[in-house]
C-alpha atoms as a PDB file:
ATOM      1  CA  MET A   1       9.430 -16.100 -10.593  1.00  0.00           C
ATOM      2  CA  SER A   2       7.712 -13.128  -9.016  1.00  0.00           C
ATOM      3  CA  VAL A   3       4.477 -13.204  -7.071  1.00  0.00           C
ATOM      4  CA  LEU A   4       2.118 -10.237  -7.191  1.00  0.00           C
ATOM      5  CA  LYS A   5      -0.702  -9.333  -4.834  1.00  0.00           C
ATOM      6  CA  VAL A   6      -3.695  -7.082  -5.541  1.00  0.00           C
ATOM      7  CA  ILE A   7      -5.501  -5.083  -2.865  1.00  0.00           C
ATOM      8  CA  GLU A   8      -8.430  -2.707  -3.038  1.00  0.00           C
ATOM      9  CA  VAL A   9      -7.988   0.859  -1.778  1.00  0.00           C
ATOM     10  CA  LEU A  10     -10.479   3.716  -1.445  1.00  0.00           C
ATOM     11  CA  SER A  11      -9.392   7.362  -1.524  1.00  0.00           C
ATOM     12  CA  SER A  12     -10.901  10.819  -1.805  1.00  0.00           C
ATOM     13  CA  SER A  13      -9.903  14.374  -2.643  1.00  0.00           C
ATOM     14  CA  GLU A  14     -11.582  17.754  -2.772  1.00  0.00           C
ATOM     15  CA  THR A  15      -9.549  18.572  -5.915  1.00  0.00           C
ATOM     16  CA  SER A  16      -9.885  15.766  -8.489  1.00  0.00           C
ATOM     17  CA  TRP A  17      -9.974  12.028  -9.181  1.00  0.00           C
ATOM     18  CA  GLU A  18      -6.325  12.241 -10.216  1.00  0.00           C
ATOM     19  CA  ASP A  19      -5.407  13.793  -6.869  1.00  0.00           C
ATOM     20  CA  ALA A  20      -7.362  11.097  -5.018  1.00  0.00           C
ATOM     21  CA  THR A  21      -5.413   8.444  -6.945  1.00  0.00           C
ATOM     22  CA  LYS A  22      -2.077  10.090  -6.151  1.00  0.00           C
ATOM     23  CA  LYS A  23      -3.001  10.344  -2.458  1.00  0.00           C
ATOM     24  CA  ALA A  24      -3.872   6.643  -2.342  1.00  0.00           C
ATOM     25  CA  ILE A  25      -0.560   5.617  -3.913  1.00  0.00           C
ATOM     26  CA  SER A  26       1.413   7.954  -1.658  1.00  0.00           C
ATOM     27  CA  LYS A  27      -0.254   6.628   1.487  1.00  0.00           C
ATOM     28  CA  ALA A  28      -0.057   2.968   0.433  1.00  0.00           C
ATOM     29  CA  SER A  29       3.633   3.257  -0.466  1.00  0.00           C
ATOM     30  CA  LYS A  30       4.414   4.094   3.172  1.00  0.00           C
ATOM     31  CA  THR A  31       3.603   0.508   4.169  1.00  0.00           C
ATOM     32  CA  LEU A  32       3.756  -1.425   0.879  1.00  0.00           C
ATOM     33  CA  LYS A  33       6.930  -2.011  -1.103  1.00  0.00           C
ATOM     34  CA  ASN A  34       7.220  -2.661  -4.821  1.00  0.00           C
ATOM     35  CA  ILE A  35       3.926  -1.151  -6.014  1.00  0.00           C
ATOM     36  CA  LYS A  36       3.819  -1.994  -9.714  1.00  0.00           C
ATOM     37  CA  SER A  37       0.503  -0.644 -10.980  1.00  0.00           C
ATOM     38  CA  VAL A  38      -2.828   0.874 -10.113  1.00  0.00           C
ATOM     39  CA  TYR A  39      -6.178   0.238 -11.774  1.00  0.00           C
ATOM     40  CA  VAL A  40      -8.960   2.764 -11.241  1.00  0.00           C
ATOM     41  CA  GLN A  41     -11.945   0.489 -10.803  1.00  0.00           C
ATOM     42  CA  ASP A  42     -14.573   3.097 -10.003  1.00  0.00           C
ATOM     43  CA  GLN A  43     -14.984   6.862  -9.708  1.00  0.00           C
ATOM     44  CA  SER A  44     -17.687   8.790  -7.897  1.00  0.00           C
ATOM     45  CA  ALA A  45     -18.283  12.203  -6.376  1.00  0.00           C
ATOM     46  CA  THR A  46     -20.380  13.762  -3.663  1.00  0.00           C
ATOM     47  CA  VAL A  47     -22.392  16.868  -4.470  1.00  0.00           C
ATOM     48  CA  GLU A  48     -23.414  19.626  -2.090  1.00  0.00           C
ATOM     49  CA  ASN A  49     -25.437  22.694  -3.057  1.00  0.00           C
ATOM     50  CA  GLY A  50     -25.047  21.967  -6.753  1.00  0.00           C
ATOM     51  CA  THR A  51     -21.246  21.625  -6.735  1.00  0.00           C
ATOM     52  CA  VAL A  52     -18.870  18.716  -6.391  1.00  0.00           C
ATOM     53  CA  LYS A  53     -17.641  18.506  -2.816  1.00  0.00           C
ATOM     54  CA  GLU A  54     -15.464  15.390  -2.959  1.00  0.00           C
ATOM     55  CA  PHE A  55     -14.010  13.136  -5.657  1.00  0.00           C
ATOM     56  CA  ARG A  56     -13.736   9.441  -4.746  1.00  0.00           C
ATOM     57  CA  VAL A  57     -11.848   6.571  -6.359  1.00  0.00           C
ATOM     58  CA  ASN A  58     -11.860   2.837  -5.808  1.00  0.00           C
ATOM     59  CA  LEU A  59      -8.457   1.458  -6.846  1.00  0.00           C
ATOM     60  CA  LYS A  60      -6.798  -1.895  -7.241  1.00  0.00           C
ATOM     61  CA  LEU A  61      -3.117  -1.699  -6.319  1.00  0.00           C
ATOM     62  CA  THR A  62      -0.729  -4.391  -7.512  1.00  0.00           C
ATOM     63  CA  PHE A  63       2.533  -4.951  -5.698  1.00  0.00           C
ATOM     64  CA  GLU A  64       5.269  -7.554  -5.798  1.00  0.00           C
ATOM     65  CA  LEU A  65       5.813  -9.776  -2.772  1.00  0.00           C
ATOM     66  CA  GLU A  66       9.372 -10.224  -1.586  1.00  0.00           C
END
């Protein structure tokens, strides 16, 4: 039987929501093993002078405990 744990992670990117998601997984995988899935719970962006300055994502990462 496997046991999975879910944590919440916040990330941002100046490029896109997809890039913010990839950055979060890359950073989390440096300290977490066995990441199985990611669920994008929320997306938002900051706007400055009429343009998007930063894309933000709130993710739920699922990983298997050893």
